[in-house]
Amino acid sequence: MTTRSLYELYMAAAAAVREHDATCTTCSPDRRCPPGRRLYAELVRFQDDYLAQQRQRT
């Protein structure tokens, strides 16, 4: 089993949010449906973790 990097997880979460946003008639930039909120929260968490990792490397 291959372990995915934090960057790969971050990009996958971003793709999932884009895919959801393209098909969801309820979500908007200001309001999200429950599944949209979950996906967006996951994206934010991965983004924060990835950026923190990048700051540690410099």
PDB file of N, CA and C in Angstrom:
ATOM      1  N   MET A   1       0.840  -1.179   0.000  1.00  0.00           N
ATOM      2  CA  MET A   1       0.000   0.000   0.000  1.00  0.00           C
ATOM      3  C   MET A   1       0.882   1.238   0.000  1.00  0.00           C
ATOM      4  N   THR A   2       0.582   2.179  -0.881  1.00  0.00           N
ATOM      5  CA  THR A   2       1.358   3.397  -1.004  1.00  0.00           C
ATOM      6  C   THR A   2       0.748   4.488  -0.130  1.00  0.00           C
ATOM      7  N   THR A   3       1.592   5.150   0.622  1.00  0.00           N
ATOM      8  CA  THR A   3       1.151   6.253   1.455  1.00  0.00           C
ATOM      9  C   THR A   3       1.150   7.530   0.627  1.00  0.00           C
ATOM     10  N   ARG A   4       0.046   8.232   0.658  1.00  0.00           N
ATOM     11  CA  ARG A   4      -0.062   9.473  -0.096  1.00  0.00           C
ATOM     12  C   ARG A   4       0.568  10.614   0.699  1.00  0.00           C
ATOM     13  N   SER A   5       1.241  11.502  -0.015  1.00  0.00           N
ATOM     14  CA  SER A   5       1.864  12.650   0.631  1.00  0.00           C
ATOM     15  C   SER A   5       0.793  13.649   1.047  1.00  0.00           C
ATOM     16  N   LEU A   6       1.171  14.532   1.939  1.00  0.00           N
ATOM     17  CA  LEU A   6       0.254  15.573   2.387  1.00  0.00           C
ATOM     18  C   LEU A   6      -0.179  16.434   1.202  1.00  0.00           C
ATOM     19  N   TYR A   7       0.738  16.710   0.290  1.00  0.00           N
ATOM     20  CA  TYR A   7       0.391  17.491  -0.896  1.00  0.00           C
ATOM     21  C   TYR A   7      -0.661  16.766  -1.736  1.00  0.00           C
ATOM     22  N   GLU A   8      -0.504  15.459  -1.915  1.00  0.00           N
ATOM     23  CA  GLU A   8      -1.481  14.681  -2.689  1.00  0.00           C
ATOM     24  C   GLU A   8      -2.849  14.686  -2.014  1.00  0.00           C
ATOM     25  N   LEU A   9      -2.879  14.582  -0.707  1.00  0.00           N
ATOM     26  CA  LEU A   9      -4.137  14.634   0.030  1.00  0.00           C
ATOM     27  C   LEU A   9      -4.789  16.006  -0.124  1.00  0.00           C
ATOM     28  N   TYR A  10      -3.993  17.043  -0.047  1.00  0.00           N
ATOM     29  CA  TYR A  10      -4.458  18.422  -0.204  1.00  0.00           C
ATOM     30  C   TYR A  10      -5.060  18.615  -1.593  1.00  0.00           C
ATOM     31  N   MET A  11      -4.368  18.156  -2.628  1.00  0.00           N
ATOM     32  CA  MET A  11      -4.860  18.308  -4.000  1.00  0.00           C
ATOM     33  C   MET A  11      -6.108  17.461  -4.247  1.00  0.00           C
ATOM     34  N   ALA A  12      -6.173  16.285  -3.652  1.00  0.00           N
ATOM     35  CA  ALA A  12      -7.360  15.435  -3.793  1.00  0.00           C
ATOM     36  C   ALA A  12      -8.562  16.093  -3.114  1.00  0.00           C
ATOM     37  N   ALA A  13      -8.337  16.702  -1.970  1.00  0.00           N
ATOM     38  CA  ALA A  13      -9.421  17.402  -1.277  1.00  0.00           C
ATOM     39  C   ALA A  13      -9.897  18.594  -2.093  1.00  0.00           C
ATOM     40  N   ALA A  14      -8.968  19.319  -2.710  1.00  0.00           N
ATOM     41  CA  ALA A  14      -9.347  20.456  -3.559  1.00  0.00           C
ATOM     42  C   ALA A  14     -10.168  19.979  -4.753  1.00  0.00           C
ATOM     43  N   ALA A  15      -9.763  18.876  -5.353  1.00  0.00           N
ATOM     44  CA  ALA A  15     -10.504  18.322  -6.487  1.00  0.00           C
ATOM     45  C   ALA A  15     -11.900  17.880  -6.056  1.00  0.00           C
ATOM     46  N   ALA A  16     -12.018  17.293  -4.877  1.00  0.00           N
ATOM     47  CA  ALA A  16     -13.324  16.844  -4.380  1.00  0.00           C
ATOM     48  C   ALA A  16     -14.258  18.036  -4.167  1.00  0.00           C
ATOM     49  N   VAL A  17     -13.731  19.132  -3.646  1.00  0.00           N
ATOM     50  CA  VAL A  17     -14.543  20.338  -3.450  1.00  0.00           C
ATOM     51  C   VAL A  17     -14.975  20.892  -4.804  1.00  0.00           C
ATOM     52  N   ARG A  18     -14.056  20.966  -5.759  1.00  0.00           N
ATOM     53  CA  ARG A  18     -14.414  21.472  -7.098  1.00  0.00           C
ATOM     54  C   ARG A  18     -15.485  20.597  -7.748  1.00  0.00           C
ATOM     55  N   GLU A  19     -15.319  19.283  -7.629  1.00  0.00           N
ATOM     56  CA  GLU A  19     -16.292  18.362  -8.215  1.00  0.00           C
ATOM     57  C   GLU A  19     -17.662  18.527  -7.563  1.00  0.00           C
ATOM     58  N   HIS A  20     -17.673  18.629  -6.251  1.00  0.00           N
ATOM     59  CA  HIS A  20     -18.929  18.818  -5.532  1.00  0.00           C
ATOM     60  C   HIS A  20     -19.577  20.145  -5.941  1.00  0.00           C
ATOM     61  N   ASP A  21     -18.790  21.212  -5.959  1.00  0.00           N
ATOM     62  CA  ASP A  21     -19.322  22.531  -6.305  1.00  0.00           C
ATOM     63  C   ASP A  21     -19.907  22.563  -7.717  1.00  0.00           C
ATOM     64  N   ALA A  22     -19.337  21.785  -8.618  1.00  0.00           N
ATOM     65  CA  ALA A  22     -19.811  21.769 -10.001  1.00  0.00           C
ATOM     66  C   ALA A  22     -21.170  21.094 -10.142  1.00  0.00           C
ATOM     67  N   THR A  23     -21.523  20.236  -9.200  1.00  0.00           N
ATOM     68  CA  THR A  23     -22.771  19.486  -9.331  1.00  0.00           C
ATOM     69  C   THR A  23     -23.822  19.840  -8.289  1.00  0.00           C
ATOM     70  N   CYS A  24     -23.433  20.485  -7.213  1.00  0.00           N
ATOM     71  CA  CYS A  24     -24.369  20.787  -6.131  1.00  0.00           C
ATOM     72  C   CYS A  24     -25.136  22.068  -6.437  1.00  0.00           C
ATOM     73  N   THR A  25     -26.450  21.985  -6.378  1.00  0.00           N
ATOM     74  CA  THR A  25     -27.285  23.165  -6.641  1.00  0.00           C
ATOM     75  C   THR A  25     -27.533  23.978  -5.381  1.00  0.00           C
ATOM     76  N   THR A  26     -27.122  23.464  -4.240  1.00  0.00           N
ATOM     77  CA  THR A  26     -27.353  24.130  -2.961  1.00  0.00           C
ATOM     78  C   THR A  26     -26.161  24.999  -2.545  1.00  0.00           C
ATOM     79  N   CYS A  27     -24.971  24.557  -2.843  1.00  0.00           N
ATOM     80  CA  CYS A  27     -23.766  25.247  -2.377  1.00  0.00           C
ATOM     81  C   CYS A  27     -23.522  26.543  -3.145  1.00  0.00           C
ATOM     82  N   SER A  28     -22.978  27.497  -2.427  1.00  0.00           N
ATOM     83  CA  SER A  28     -22.509  28.759  -2.993  1.00  0.00           C
ATOM     84  C   SER A  28     -21.248  29.130  -2.219  1.00  0.00           C
ATOM     85  N   PRO A  29     -20.522  30.159  -2.644  1.00  0.00           N
ATOM     86  CA  PRO A  29     -19.327  30.548  -1.882  1.00  0.00           C
ATOM     87  C   PRO A  29     -19.639  30.929  -0.425  1.00  0.00           C
ATOM     88  N   ASP A  30     -20.871  31.371  -0.169  1.00  0.00           N
ATOM     89  CA  ASP A  30     -21.240  31.813   1.178  1.00  0.00           C
ATOM     90  C   ASP A  30     -21.918  30.742   2.021  1.00  0.00           C
ATOM     91  N   ARG A  31     -22.560  29.769   1.376  1.00  0.00           N
ATOM     92  CA  ARG A  31     -23.289  28.720   2.100  1.00  0.00           C
ATOM     93  C   ARG A  31     -23.010  27.373   1.460  1.00  0.00           C
ATOM     94  N   ARG A  32     -22.869  26.372   2.291  1.00  0.00           N
ATOM     95  CA  ARG A  32     -22.591  25.022   1.799  1.00  0.00           C
ATOM     96  C   ARG A  32     -23.568  24.047   2.427  1.00  0.00           C
ATOM     97  N   CYS A  33     -23.923  23.037   1.653  1.00  0.00           N
ATOM     98  CA  CYS A  33     -24.756  21.954   2.176  1.00  0.00           C
ATOM     99  C   CYS A  33     -23.894  21.127   3.142  1.00  0.00           C
ATOM    100  N   PRO A  34     -24.495  20.250   3.951  1.00  0.00           N
ATOM    101  CA  PRO A  34     -23.700  19.461   4.902  1.00  0.00           C
ATOM    102  C   PRO A  34     -22.544  18.681   4.257  1.00  0.00           C
ATOM    103  N   PRO A  35     -22.756  17.955   3.143  1.00  0.00           N
ATOM    104  CA  PRO A  35     -21.606  17.275   2.538  1.00  0.00           C
ATOM    105  C   PRO A  35     -20.563  18.272   2.011  1.00  0.00           C
ATOM    106  N   GLY A  36     -21.021  19.399   1.495  1.00  0.00           N
ATOM    107  CA  GLY A  36     -20.104  20.424   1.014  1.00  0.00           C
ATOM    108  C   GLY A  36     -19.280  21.024   2.144  1.00  0.00           C
ATOM    109  N   ARG A  37     -19.914  21.218   3.302  1.00  0.00           N
ATOM    110  CA  ARG A  37     -19.179  21.729   4.476  1.00  0.00           C
ATOM    111  C   ARG A  37     -18.106  20.749   4.903  1.00  0.00           C
ATOM    112  N   ARG A  38     -18.448  19.459   4.902  1.00  0.00           N
ATOM    113  CA  ARG A  38     -17.469  18.440   5.299  1.00  0.00           C
ATOM    114  C   ARG A  38     -16.276  18.432   4.343  1.00  0.00           C
ATOM    115  N   LEU A  39     -16.563  18.453   3.040  1.00  0.00           N
ATOM    116  CA  LEU A  39     -15.480  18.457   2.052  1.00  0.00           C
ATOM    117  C   LEU A  39     -14.616  19.707   2.174  1.00  0.00           C
ATOM    118  N   TYR A  40     -15.265  20.865   2.351  1.00  0.00           N
ATOM    119  CA  TYR A  40     -14.521  22.113   2.449  1.00  0.00           C
ATOM    120  C   TYR A  40     -13.683  22.151   3.728  1.00  0.00           C
ATOM    121  N   ALA A  41     -14.226  21.649   4.824  1.00  0.00           N
ATOM    122  CA  ALA A  41     -13.468  21.608   6.086  1.00  0.00           C
ATOM    123  C   ALA A  41     -12.236  20.721   5.940  1.00  0.00           C
ATOM    124  N   GLU A  42     -12.396  19.611   5.236  1.00  0.00           N
ATOM    125  CA  GLU A  42     -11.259  18.721   5.007  1.00  0.00           C
ATOM    126  C   GLU A  42     -10.194  19.430   4.159  1.00  0.00           C
ATOM    127  N   LEU A  43     -10.631  20.148   3.139  1.00  0.00           N
ATOM    128  CA  LEU A  43      -9.692  20.911   2.303  1.00  0.00           C
ATOM    129  C   LEU A  43      -8.936  21.931   3.149  1.00  0.00           C
ATOM    130  N   VAL A  44      -9.645  22.674   3.962  1.00  0.00           N
ATOM    131  CA  VAL A  44      -9.007  23.695   4.801  1.00  0.00           C
ATOM    132  C   VAL A  44      -7.983  23.059   5.736  1.00  0.00           C
ATOM    133  N   ARG A  45      -8.345  21.924   6.327  1.00  0.00           N
ATOM    134  CA  ARG A  45      -7.421  21.238   7.246  1.00  0.00           C
ATOM    135  C   ARG A  45      -6.153  20.794   6.522  1.00  0.00           C
ATOM    136  N   PHE A  46      -6.311  20.175   5.345  1.00  0.00           N
ATOM    137  CA  PHE A  46      -5.137  19.747   4.589  1.00  0.00           C
ATOM    138  C   PHE A  46      -4.309  20.941   4.119  1.00  0.00           C
ATOM    139  N   GLN A  47      -4.976  22.008   3.718  1.00  0.00           N
ATOM    140  CA  GLN A  47      -4.254  23.203   3.282  1.00  0.00           C
ATOM    141  C   GLN A  47      -3.442  23.785   4.439  1.00  0.00           C
ATOM    142  N   ASP A  48      -4.061  23.907   5.600  1.00  0.00           N
ATOM    143  CA  ASP A  48      -3.342  24.433   6.768  1.00  0.00           C
ATOM    144  C   ASP A  48      -2.150  23.551   7.132  1.00  0.00           C
ATOM    145  N   ASP A  49      -2.355  22.226   7.120  1.00  0.00           N
ATOM    146  CA  ASP A  49      -1.269  21.304   7.444  1.00  0.00           C
ATOM    147  C   ASP A  49      -0.142  21.392   6.418  1.00  0.00           C
ATOM    148  N   TYR A  50      -0.502  21.468   5.150  1.00  0.00           N
ATOM    149  CA  TYR A  50       0.505  21.540   4.089  1.00  0.00           C
ATOM    150  C   TYR A  50       1.304  22.846   4.192  1.00  0.00           C
ATOM    151  N   LEU A  51       0.620  23.961   4.394  1.00  0.00           N
ATOM    152  CA  LEU A  51       1.325  25.236   4.504  1.00  0.00           C
ATOM    153  C   LEU A  51       2.219  25.281   5.742  1.00  0.00           C
ATOM    154  N   ALA A  52       1.774  24.688   6.836  1.00  0.00           N
ATOM    155  CA  ALA A  52       2.612  24.619   8.044  1.00  0.00           C
ATOM    156  C   ALA A  52       3.858  23.788   7.767  1.00  0.00           C
ATOM    157  N   GLN A  53       3.683  22.690   7.037  1.00  0.00           N
ATOM    158  CA  GLN A  53       4.822  21.846   6.670  1.00  0.00           C
ATOM    159  C   GLN A  53       5.817  22.635   5.808  1.00  0.00           C
ATOM    160  N   GLN A  54       5.304  23.428   4.880  1.00  0.00           N
ATOM    161  CA  GLN A  54       6.171  24.212   4.020  1.00  0.00           C
ATOM    162  C   GLN A  54       6.932  25.274   4.802  1.00  0.00           C
ATOM    163  N   ARG A  55       6.264  25.884   5.780  1.00  0.00           N
ATOM    164  CA  ARG A  55       6.930  26.898   6.605  1.00  0.00           C
ATOM    165  C   ARG A  55       8.071  26.278   7.414  1.00  0.00           C
ATOM    166  N   GLN A  56       7.885  25.045   7.868  1.00  0.00           N
ATOM    167  CA  GLN A  56       8.919  24.371   8.658  1.00  0.00           C
ATOM    168  C   GLN A  56      10.147  24.059   7.815  1.00  0.00           C
ATOM    169  N   ARG A  57       9.967  23.865   6.520  1.00  0.00           N
ATOM    170  CA  ARG A  57      11.081  23.518   5.637  1.00  0.00           C
ATOM    171  C   ARG A  57      11.960  24.721   5.299  1.00  0.00           C
ATOM    172  N   THR A  58      11.441  25.918   5.478  1.00  0.00           N
ATOM    173  CA  THR A  58      12.248  27.101   5.114  1.00  0.00           C
ATOM    174  C   THR A  58      12.930  27.689   6.300  1.00  0.00           C
TER     175      THR A  58
END
